[in-house]
């Protein structure tokens, strides 16, 4: 009761509407920054990720500024208050909001350390998608089937996260094609090379390659042709895969190149001695 009485002693009820107004203005500004970033990103495609990263930082500053501006409006920040309630408030609020505080601090660490950025394609805890936003409390990730996954910021400090493009528009894409081990390998390799180098979504300023090795695919001996090529924009990841796959499959069919299958060898009886 003593602590509660001290708390109410320094509270300014008349400042609560002003504090709510400050947060309301901050929220409107955050929405304006978000929409402006979306519009600029669509027009300046080559700067899209940088624009979203700057917008994320601005949103952080707006929320932190609103919080800092509201404190003196709601509380009478005298020396007596700081001495009387500093420890109590720190312990009480810290215990009640420890998870929120941890996520907020983790969000700042994510912005400084930059293991990933807005617009990156990442894999985290088995979930793959694009970072939509990095907020004060959580990161929003959009999967390729358009689901929005919300992950608390502090989760990223203790678990492994993999970034596919690390802040760049282009990203390495890997596609596997399997053919029978008795098929025409040179022709198959040429077809895959032509498909990836003529795709409108391929970014050929970076190295590309078609690798071949022998594997067991679905219990069959097979030759695997692994195409590695960069997509020009991470948004076209699936478009590149679809474009290349369709043309490879059609060219394989026209060339008579068959998928892996069980091979039977005829055995010729050895003449009797």
C-alpha atoms as a PDB file:
ATOM      1  CA  UNK A   1       0.000   0.000   0.000  1.00  0.00           C
ATOM      2  CA  UNK A   2       2.856   2.406   0.808  1.00  0.00           C
ATOM      3  CA  UNK A   3       4.381   1.839  -2.630  1.00  0.00           C
ATOM      4  CA  UNK A   4       1.006   2.313  -4.312  1.00  0.00           C
ATOM      5  CA  UNK A   5       0.445   5.518  -2.349  1.00  0.00           C
ATOM      6  CA  UNK A   6       3.835   6.856  -3.404  1.00  0.00           C
ATOM      7  CA  UNK A   7       3.081   5.983  -6.995  1.00  0.00           C
ATOM      8  CA  UNK A   8      -0.275   7.799  -6.960  1.00  0.00           C
ATOM      9  CA  UNK A   9       1.325  10.784  -5.271  1.00  0.00           C
ATOM     10  CA  UNK A  10       3.448  11.544  -8.328  1.00  0.00           C
ATOM     11  CA  UNK A  11       0.870  10.518 -10.941  1.00  0.00           C
ATOM     12  CA  UNK A  12      -0.687  13.246 -13.069  1.00  0.00           C
ATOM     13  CA  UNK A  13      -4.137  11.957 -14.153  1.00  0.00           C
ATOM     14  CA  UNK A  14      -4.680  15.031 -16.268  1.00  0.00           C
ATOM     15  CA  UNK A  15      -1.658  14.141 -18.370  1.00  0.00           C
ATOM     16  CA  UNK A  16      -3.005  10.726 -19.421  1.00  0.00           C
ATOM     17  CA  UNK A  17      -5.124  12.104 -22.322  1.00  0.00           C
ATOM     18  CA  UNK A  18      -2.080  14.054 -23.533  1.00  0.00           C
ATOM     19  CA  UNK A  19       0.056  10.903 -23.366  1.00  0.00           C
ATOM     20  CA  UNK A  20      -2.565   8.980 -25.341  1.00  0.00           C
ATOM     21  CA  UNK A  21      -2.586  11.786 -27.912  1.00  0.00           C
ATOM     22  CA  UNK A  22       1.209  11.566 -28.184  1.00  0.00           C
ATOM     23  CA  UNK A  23       1.029   7.819 -28.820  1.00  0.00           C
ATOM     24  CA  UNK A  24      -1.823   8.345 -31.287  1.00  0.00           C
ATOM     25  CA  UNK A  25       0.222  10.848 -33.282  1.00  0.00           C
ATOM     26  CA  UNK A  26       3.228   8.515 -33.166  1.00  0.00           C
ATOM     27  CA  UNK A  27       1.076   5.644 -34.474  1.00  0.00           C
ATOM     28  CA  UNK A  28      -0.220   7.784 -37.347  1.00  0.00           C
ATOM     29  CA  UNK A  29       3.323   8.826 -38.230  1.00  0.00           C
ATOM     30  CA  UNK A  30       4.421   5.178 -38.174  1.00  0.00           C
ATOM     31  CA  UNK A  31       1.607   4.280 -40.595  1.00  0.00           C
ATOM     32  CA  UNK A  32       2.606   7.200 -42.837  1.00  0.00           C
ATOM     33  CA  UNK A  33       6.245   6.064 -42.825  1.00  0.00           C
ATOM     34  CA  UNK A  34       5.161   2.484 -43.647  1.00  0.00           C
ATOM     35  CA  UNK A  35       2.969   3.521 -46.585  1.00  0.00           C
ATOM     36  CA  UNK A  36       5.594   5.940 -47.893  1.00  0.00           C
ATOM     37  CA  UNK A  37       8.238   3.200 -47.741  1.00  0.00           C
ATOM     38  CA  UNK A  38       5.943   0.796 -49.583  1.00  0.00           C
ATOM     39  CA  UNK A  39       5.313   3.340 -52.336  1.00  0.00           C
ATOM     40  CA  UNK A  40       8.951   4.299 -52.742  1.00  0.00           C
ATOM     41  CA  UNK A  41       9.984   0.643 -52.664  1.00  0.00           C
ATOM     42  CA  UNK A  42       7.630  -0.175 -55.531  1.00  0.00           C
ATOM     43  CA  UNK A  43       8.964   2.717 -57.619  1.00  0.00           C
ATOM     44  CA  UNK A  44      12.662   2.431 -56.739  1.00  0.00           C
ATOM     45  CA  UNK A  45      13.033  -1.334 -56.900  1.00  0.00           C
ATOM     46  CA  UNK A  46      16.823  -1.339 -56.712  1.00  0.00           C
ATOM     47  CA  UNK A  47      16.622   0.644 -53.435  1.00  0.00           C
ATOM     48  CA  UNK A  48      13.643  -1.216 -51.991  1.00  0.00           C
ATOM     49  CA  UNK A  49      15.481  -3.021 -49.188  1.00  0.00           C
ATOM     50  CA  UNK A  50      17.398   0.112 -48.133  1.00  0.00           C
ATOM     51  CA  UNK A  51      14.154   2.103 -48.001  1.00  0.00           C
ATOM     52  CA  UNK A  52      12.478  -0.511 -45.789  1.00  0.00           C
ATOM     53  CA  UNK A  53      15.507  -0.644 -43.502  1.00  0.00           C
ATOM     54  CA  UNK A  54      15.440   3.135 -43.027  1.00  0.00           C
ATOM     55  CA  UNK A  55      11.671   3.002 -42.417  1.00  0.00           C
ATOM     56  CA  UNK A  56      12.187   0.359 -39.721  1.00  0.00           C
ATOM     57  CA  UNK A  57      14.709   2.567 -37.914  1.00  0.00           C
ATOM     58  CA  UNK A  58      12.382   5.585 -38.145  1.00  0.00           C
ATOM     59  CA  UNK A  59       9.499   3.564 -36.659  1.00  0.00           C
ATOM     60  CA  UNK A  60      11.719   2.545 -33.746  1.00  0.00           C
ATOM     61  CA  UNK A  61      12.688   6.156 -33.080  1.00  0.00           C
ATOM     62  CA  UNK A  62       9.070   7.341 -33.250  1.00  0.00           C
ATOM     63  CA  UNK A  63       7.856   4.808 -30.680  1.00  0.00           C
ATOM     64  CA  UNK A  64      10.799   5.396 -28.348  1.00  0.00           C
ATOM     65  CA  UNK A  65      10.344   9.172 -28.694  1.00  0.00           C
ATOM     66  CA  UNK A  66       6.634   8.895 -27.899  1.00  0.00           C
ATOM     67  CA  UNK A  67       7.387   6.821 -24.803  1.00  0.00           C
ATOM     68  CA  UNK A  68      10.039   9.272 -23.600  1.00  0.00           C
ATOM     69  CA  UNK A  69       7.769  12.264 -24.223  1.00  0.00           C
ATOM     70  CA  UNK A  70       4.866  10.691 -22.307  1.00  0.00           C
ATOM     71  CA  UNK A  71       6.756   9.984 -19.089  1.00  0.00           C
ATOM     72  CA  UNK A  72       7.089  13.619 -17.882  1.00  0.00           C
ATOM     73  CA  UNK A  73       3.489  14.293 -18.952  1.00  0.00           C
ATOM     74  CA  UNK A  74       2.038  11.504 -16.810  1.00  0.00           C
ATOM     75  CA  UNK A  75       4.478  11.639 -13.868  1.00  0.00           C
ATOM     76  CA  UNK A  76       5.927  14.513 -11.869  1.00  0.00           C
ATOM     77  CA  UNK A  77       9.600  13.730 -12.299  1.00  0.00           C
ATOM     78  CA  UNK A  78      10.964  15.383  -9.183  1.00  0.00           C
ATOM     79  CA  UNK A  79      14.061  14.350  -7.290  1.00  0.00           C
ATOM     80  CA  UNK A  80      11.857  13.031  -4.518  1.00  0.00           C
ATOM     81  CA  UNK A  81       9.979  10.801  -6.924  1.00  0.00           C
ATOM     82  CA  UNK A  82      13.156   9.419  -8.407  1.00  0.00           C
ATOM     83  CA  UNK A  83      14.529   8.613  -4.955  1.00  0.00           C
ATOM     84  CA  UNK A  84      11.289   7.239  -3.527  1.00  0.00           C
ATOM     85  CA  UNK A  85      10.016   5.235  -6.461  1.00  0.00           C
ATOM     86  CA  UNK A  86      13.043   4.573  -8.626  1.00  0.00           C
ATOM     87  CA  UNK A  87      13.865   1.200  -7.141  1.00  0.00           C
ATOM     88  CA  UNK A  88      10.244   0.150  -6.644  1.00  0.00           C
ATOM     89  CA  UNK A  89       9.190   1.008 -10.176  1.00  0.00           C
ATOM     90  CA  UNK A  90      12.259  -0.603 -11.660  1.00  0.00           C
ATOM     91  CA  UNK A  91      11.651  -3.900  -9.834  1.00  0.00           C
ATOM     92  CA  UNK A  92       7.865  -3.939 -10.305  1.00  0.00           C
ATOM     93  CA  UNK A  93       7.779  -2.907 -13.955  1.00  0.00           C
ATOM     94  CA  UNK A  94      10.854  -4.977 -14.743  1.00  0.00           C
ATOM     95  CA  UNK A  95       9.242  -8.118 -13.342  1.00  0.00           C
ATOM     96  CA  UNK A  96       5.876  -7.474 -14.989  1.00  0.00           C
ATOM     97  CA  UNK A  97       7.285  -6.502 -18.374  1.00  0.00           C
ATOM     98  CA  UNK A  98      10.491  -8.507 -18.457  1.00  0.00           C
ATOM     99  CA  UNK A  99       9.537 -10.375 -21.635  1.00  0.00           C
ATOM    100  CA  UNK A 100       8.469  -7.153 -23.364  1.00  0.00           C
ATOM    101  CA  UNK A 101      11.616  -5.373 -22.239  1.00  0.00           C
ATOM    102  CA  UNK A 102      13.753  -8.297 -23.412  1.00  0.00           C
ATOM    103  CA  UNK A 103      12.081  -8.204 -26.828  1.00  0.00           C
ATOM    104  CA  UNK A 104      12.547  -4.432 -27.111  1.00  0.00           C
ATOM    105  CA  UNK A 105      16.234  -4.665 -26.230  1.00  0.00           C
ATOM    106  CA  UNK A 106      16.575  -7.596 -28.638  1.00  0.00           C
ATOM    107  CA  UNK A 107      14.938  -5.482 -31.355  1.00  0.00           C
ATOM    108  CA  UNK A 108      17.556  -2.790 -30.902  1.00  0.00           C
ATOM    109  CA  UNK A 109      20.287  -5.447 -31.008  1.00  0.00           C
ATOM    110  CA  UNK A 110      18.828  -6.814 -34.259  1.00  0.00           C
ATOM    111  CA  UNK A 111      18.980  -3.346 -35.819  1.00  0.00           C
ATOM    112  CA  UNK A 112      22.587  -2.845 -34.714  1.00  0.00           C
ATOM    113  CA  UNK A 113      23.972  -6.356 -35.273  1.00  0.00           C
ATOM    114  CA  UNK A 114      21.881  -6.883 -38.454  1.00  0.00           C
ATOM    115  CA  UNK A 115      21.775 -10.690 -38.743  1.00  0.00           C
ATOM    116  CA  UNK A 116      18.966  -9.982 -41.214  1.00  0.00           C
ATOM    117  CA  UNK A 117      17.134  -6.945 -42.560  1.00  0.00           C
ATOM    118  CA  UNK A 118      13.687  -6.044 -43.802  1.00  0.00           C
ATOM    119  CA  UNK A 119      13.225  -7.722 -47.184  1.00  0.00           C
ATOM    120  CA  UNK A 120      15.591 -10.629 -46.461  1.00  0.00           C
ATOM    121  CA  UNK A 121      14.503 -14.206 -47.113  1.00  0.00           C
ATOM    122  CA  UNK A 122      15.354 -16.139 -43.941  1.00  0.00           C
ATOM    123  CA  UNK A 123      14.901 -19.570 -42.416  1.00  0.00           C
ATOM    124  CA  UNK A 124      14.159 -19.657 -38.692  1.00  0.00           C
ATOM    125  CA  UNK A 125      13.009 -22.651 -36.666  1.00  0.00           C
ATOM    126  CA  UNK A 126      11.936 -24.459 -39.840  1.00  0.00           C
ATOM    127  CA  UNK A 127       9.987 -21.440 -41.162  1.00  0.00           C
ATOM    128  CA  UNK A 128      11.035 -19.851 -44.456  1.00  0.00           C
ATOM    129  CA  UNK A 129       9.847 -16.470 -45.651  1.00  0.00           C
ATOM    130  CA  UNK A 130      10.546 -12.766 -46.132  1.00  0.00           C
ATOM    131  CA  UNK A 131      11.052 -10.306 -43.288  1.00  0.00           C
ATOM    132  CA  UNK A 132       8.143  -7.871 -43.506  1.00  0.00           C
ATOM    133  CA  UNK A 133       8.952  -5.721 -40.475  1.00  0.00           C
ATOM    134  CA  UNK A 134      11.150  -5.527 -37.385  1.00  0.00           C
ATOM    135  CA  UNK A 135       9.122  -3.983 -34.574  1.00  0.00           C
ATOM    136  CA  UNK A 136       9.723  -3.045 -30.957  1.00  0.00           C
ATOM    137  CA  UNK A 137       8.382  -6.406 -29.756  1.00  0.00           C
ATOM    138  CA  UNK A 138       8.494  -8.825 -32.650  1.00  0.00           C
ATOM    139  CA  UNK A 139       9.557  -9.629 -36.189  1.00  0.00           C
ATOM    140  CA  UNK A 140       6.900 -10.326 -38.812  1.00  0.00           C
ATOM    141  CA  UNK A 141       7.798 -12.874 -41.449  1.00  0.00           C
ATOM    142  CA  UNK A 142       5.652 -13.612 -44.519  1.00  0.00           C
ATOM    143  CA  UNK A 143       5.914 -17.184 -45.779  1.00  0.00           C
ATOM    144  CA  UNK A 144       5.721 -18.073 -49.472  1.00  0.00           C
ATOM    145  CA  UNK A 145       2.101 -19.199 -49.023  1.00  0.00           C
ATOM    146  CA  UNK A 146       1.283 -15.693 -47.683  1.00  0.00           C
ATOM    147  CA  UNK A 147       0.997 -16.548 -43.988  1.00  0.00           C
ATOM    148  CA  UNK A 148       2.216 -13.874 -41.560  1.00  0.00           C
ATOM    149  CA  UNK A 149       4.314 -15.356 -38.737  1.00  0.00           C
ATOM    150  CA  UNK A 150       5.045 -13.184 -35.682  1.00  0.00           C
ATOM    151  CA  UNK A 151       8.209 -14.065 -33.758  1.00  0.00           C
ATOM    152  CA  UNK A 152       9.355 -12.289 -30.548  1.00  0.00           C
ATOM    153  CA  UNK A 153      12.635 -10.453 -31.063  1.00  0.00           C
ATOM    154  CA  UNK A 154      14.444 -12.189 -28.213  1.00  0.00           C
ATOM    155  CA  UNK A 155      13.976 -15.586 -29.899  1.00  0.00           C
ATOM    156  CA  UNK A 156      16.544 -14.594 -32.523  1.00  0.00           C
ATOM    157  CA  UNK A 157      19.257 -14.024 -29.912  1.00  0.00           C
ATOM    158  CA  UNK A 158      19.449 -17.686 -28.898  1.00  0.00           C
ATOM    159  CA  UNK A 159      18.553 -19.639 -32.059  1.00  0.00           C
ATOM    160  CA  UNK A 160      20.198 -20.006 -35.451  1.00  0.00           C
ATOM    161  CA  UNK A 161      18.792 -17.896 -38.285  1.00  0.00           C
ATOM    162  CA  UNK A 162      19.825 -18.218 -41.935  1.00  0.00           C
ATOM    163  CA  UNK A 163      19.564 -15.264 -44.344  1.00  0.00           C
ATOM    164  CA  UNK A 164      19.417 -16.079 -48.054  1.00  0.00           C
ATOM    165  CA  UNK A 165      20.210 -12.657 -49.510  1.00  0.00           C
ATOM    166  CA  UNK A 166      21.745 -10.723 -46.563  1.00  0.00           C
ATOM    167  CA  UNK A 167      20.380  -7.327 -47.526  1.00  0.00           C
ATOM    168  CA  UNK A 168      20.718  -7.678 -51.322  1.00  0.00           C
ATOM    169  CA  UNK A 169      17.953  -7.882 -53.895  1.00  0.00           C
ATOM    170  CA  UNK A 170      19.442 -10.911 -55.648  1.00  0.00           C
ATOM    171  CA  UNK A 171      19.685 -14.357 -54.052  1.00  0.00           C
ATOM    172  CA  UNK A 172      21.179 -17.705 -55.032  1.00  0.00           C
ATOM    173  CA  UNK A 173      18.561 -20.263 -56.087  1.00  0.00           C
ATOM    174  CA  UNK A 174      19.245 -23.982 -56.272  1.00  0.00           C
ATOM    175  CA  UNK A 175      17.203 -26.334 -58.480  1.00  0.00           C
ATOM    176  CA  UNK A 176      17.665 -30.088 -58.862  1.00  0.00           C
ATOM    177  CA  UNK A 177      16.772 -32.175 -61.919  1.00  0.00           C
ATOM    178  CA  UNK A 178      17.078 -35.982 -61.952  1.00  0.00           C
ATOM    179  CA  UNK A 179      17.579 -38.209 -64.967  1.00  0.00           C
ATOM    180  CA  UNK A 180      18.277 -41.894 -65.401  1.00  0.00           C
ATOM    181  CA  UNK A 181      21.908 -42.911 -65.115  1.00  0.00           C
ATOM    182  CA  UNK A 182      21.786 -44.324 -68.671  1.00  0.00           C
ATOM    183  CA  UNK A 183      20.457 -41.105 -70.268  1.00  0.00           C
ATOM    184  CA  UNK A 184      22.209 -38.543 -72.483  1.00  0.00           C
ATOM    185  CA  UNK A 185      24.014 -36.480 -69.842  1.00  0.00           C
ATOM    186  CA  UNK A 186      25.704 -33.885 -72.146  1.00  0.00           C
ATOM    187  CA  UNK A 187      22.368 -33.036 -73.763  1.00  0.00           C
ATOM    188  CA  UNK A 188      20.606 -32.835 -70.402  1.00  0.00           C
ATOM    189  CA  UNK A 189      23.298 -30.539 -69.015  1.00  0.00           C
ATOM    190  CA  UNK A 190      23.095 -28.284 -72.079  1.00  0.00           C
ATOM    191  CA  UNK A 191      19.314 -28.020 -71.684  1.00  0.00           C
ATOM    192  CA  UNK A 192      19.582 -26.969 -68.034  1.00  0.00           C
ATOM    193  CA  UNK A 193      22.294 -24.401 -68.871  1.00  0.00           C
ATOM    194  CA  UNK A 194      20.159 -22.871 -71.623  1.00  0.00           C
ATOM    195  CA  UNK A 195      17.107 -22.743 -69.360  1.00  0.00           C
ATOM    196  CA  UNK A 196      18.810 -20.816 -66.563  1.00  0.00           C
ATOM    197  CA  UNK A 197      20.813 -18.447 -68.784  1.00  0.00           C
ATOM    198  CA  UNK A 198      17.808 -17.417 -70.881  1.00  0.00           C
ATOM    199  CA  UNK A 199      15.337 -16.928 -68.030  1.00  0.00           C
ATOM    200  CA  UNK A 200      14.161 -13.337 -67.669  1.00  0.00           C
ATOM    201  CA  UNK A 201      14.362 -13.701 -63.870  1.00  0.00           C
ATOM    202  CA  UNK A 202      18.006 -14.819 -63.730  1.00  0.00           C
ATOM    203  CA  UNK A 203      20.709 -12.432 -62.516  1.00  0.00           C
ATOM    204  CA  UNK A 204      23.737 -13.445 -64.576  1.00  0.00           C
ATOM    205  CA  UNK A 205      26.133 -10.784 -63.284  1.00  0.00           C
ATOM    206  CA  UNK A 206      26.980 -13.286 -60.565  1.00  0.00           C
ATOM    207  CA  UNK A 207      28.411 -16.768 -61.206  1.00  0.00           C
ATOM    208  CA  UNK A 208      26.067 -19.590 -62.159  1.00  0.00           C
ATOM    209  CA  UNK A 209      26.817 -23.283 -62.554  1.00  0.00           C
ATOM    210  CA  UNK A 210      25.297 -26.691 -63.302  1.00  0.00           C
ATOM    211  CA  UNK A 211      26.764 -29.472 -61.149  1.00  0.00           C
ATOM    212  CA  UNK A 212      26.372 -33.198 -61.819  1.00  0.00           C
ATOM    213  CA  UNK A 213      26.724 -36.136 -59.489  1.00  0.00           C
ATOM    214  CA  UNK A 214      25.412 -39.669 -59.088  1.00  0.00           C
ATOM    215  CA  UNK A 215      22.840 -40.174 -56.336  1.00  0.00           C
ATOM    216  CA  UNK A 216      20.094 -42.519 -55.203  1.00  0.00           C
ATOM    217  CA  UNK A 217      16.804 -40.737 -55.803  1.00  0.00           C
ATOM    218  CA  UNK A 218      13.588 -42.372 -54.573  1.00  0.00           C
ATOM    219  CA  UNK A 219      15.434 -45.724 -54.367  1.00  0.00           C
ATOM    220  CA  UNK A 220      16.686 -45.417 -57.957  1.00  0.00           C
ATOM    221  CA  UNK A 221      20.220 -44.781 -59.171  1.00  0.00           C
ATOM    222  CA  UNK A 222      20.131 -41.378 -60.855  1.00  0.00           C
ATOM    223  CA  UNK A 223      22.153 -38.483 -62.155  1.00  0.00           C
ATOM    224  CA  UNK A 224      21.381 -35.215 -60.406  1.00  0.00           C
ATOM    225  CA  UNK A 225      21.845 -31.951 -62.301  1.00  0.00           C
ATOM    226  CA  UNK A 226      21.962 -29.156 -59.729  1.00  0.00           C
ATOM    227  CA  UNK A 227      21.495 -25.668 -61.202  1.00  0.00           C
ATOM    228  CA  UNK A 228      22.737 -22.727 -59.139  1.00  0.00           C
ATOM    229  CA  UNK A 229      21.795 -19.276 -60.374  1.00  0.00           C
ATOM    230  CA  UNK A 230      20.929 -15.929 -58.782  1.00  0.00           C
ATOM    231  CA  UNK A 231      17.423 -14.505 -59.086  1.00  0.00           C
ATOM    232  CA  UNK A 232      17.349 -10.794 -59.918  1.00  0.00           C
ATOM    233  CA  UNK A 233      14.882  -9.999 -57.100  1.00  0.00           C
ATOM    234  CA  UNK A 234      13.913 -12.247 -54.186  1.00  0.00           C
ATOM    235  CA  UNK A 235      10.251 -11.588 -54.998  1.00  0.00           C
ATOM    236  CA  UNK A 236      10.751 -13.590 -58.219  1.00  0.00           C
ATOM    237  CA  UNK A 237      12.211 -16.665 -56.492  1.00  0.00           C
ATOM    238  CA  UNK A 238       9.316 -18.976 -57.360  1.00  0.00           C
ATOM    239  CA  UNK A 239       8.831 -17.376 -60.767  1.00  0.00           C
ATOM    240  CA  UNK A 240      12.421 -18.278 -61.650  1.00  0.00           C
ATOM    241  CA  UNK A 241      12.017 -21.846 -60.413  1.00  0.00           C
ATOM    242  CA  UNK A 242       8.767 -22.266 -62.348  1.00  0.00           C
ATOM    243  CA  UNK A 243      10.149 -20.754 -65.557  1.00  0.00           C
ATOM    244  CA  UNK A 244      13.312 -22.882 -65.553  1.00  0.00           C
ATOM    245  CA  UNK A 245      11.553 -26.095 -64.496  1.00  0.00           C
ATOM    246  CA  UNK A 246       8.847 -25.849 -67.151  1.00  0.00           C
ATOM    247  CA  UNK A 247      11.363 -25.367 -69.950  1.00  0.00           C
ATOM    248  CA  UNK A 248      13.708 -28.083 -68.690  1.00  0.00           C
ATOM    249  CA  UNK A 249      10.892 -30.625 -68.399  1.00  0.00           C
ATOM    250  CA  UNK A 250       9.605 -29.807 -71.900  1.00  0.00           C
ATOM    251  CA  UNK A 251      13.099 -29.967 -73.431  1.00  0.00           C
ATOM    252  CA  UNK A 252      13.819 -33.272 -71.667  1.00  0.00           C
ATOM    253  CA  UNK A 253      10.600 -34.694 -73.127  1.00  0.00           C
ATOM    254  CA  UNK A 254      11.461 -33.539 -76.645  1.00  0.00           C
ATOM    255  CA  UNK A 255      15.000 -34.944 -76.358  1.00  0.00           C
ATOM    256  CA  UNK A 256      13.733 -38.272 -75.029  1.00  0.00           C
ATOM    257  CA  UNK A 257      15.593 -37.915 -71.716  1.00  0.00           C
ATOM    258  CA  UNK A 258      13.917 -40.141 -69.141  1.00  0.00           C
ATOM    259  CA  UNK A 259      13.657 -39.813 -65.347  1.00  0.00           C
ATOM    260  CA  UNK A 260      15.343 -42.349 -63.048  1.00  0.00           C
ATOM    261  CA  UNK A 261      14.000 -45.901 -63.246  1.00  0.00           C
ATOM    262  CA  UNK A 262      14.977 -49.406 -62.237  1.00  0.00           C
ATOM    263  CA  UNK A 263      17.528 -50.751 -64.697  1.00  0.00           C
ATOM    264  CA  UNK A 264      17.655 -54.384 -65.661  1.00  0.00           C
ATOM    265  CA  UNK A 265      20.735 -55.835 -67.281  1.00  0.00           C
ATOM    266  CA  UNK A 266      20.481 -58.891 -69.513  1.00  0.00           C
ATOM    267  CA  UNK A 267      22.925 -61.587 -68.472  1.00  0.00           C
ATOM    268  CA  UNK A 268      24.452 -63.771 -71.169  1.00  0.00           C
ATOM    269  CA  UNK A 269      25.143 -67.349 -70.009  1.00  0.00           C
ATOM    270  CA  UNK A 270      28.822 -68.145 -70.050  1.00  0.00           C
ATOM    271  CA  UNK A 271      29.717 -71.090 -72.333  1.00  0.00           C
ATOM    272  CA  UNK A 272      30.449 -74.306 -70.587  1.00  0.00           C
ATOM    273  CA  UNK A 273      34.112 -75.133 -70.216  1.00  0.00           C
END
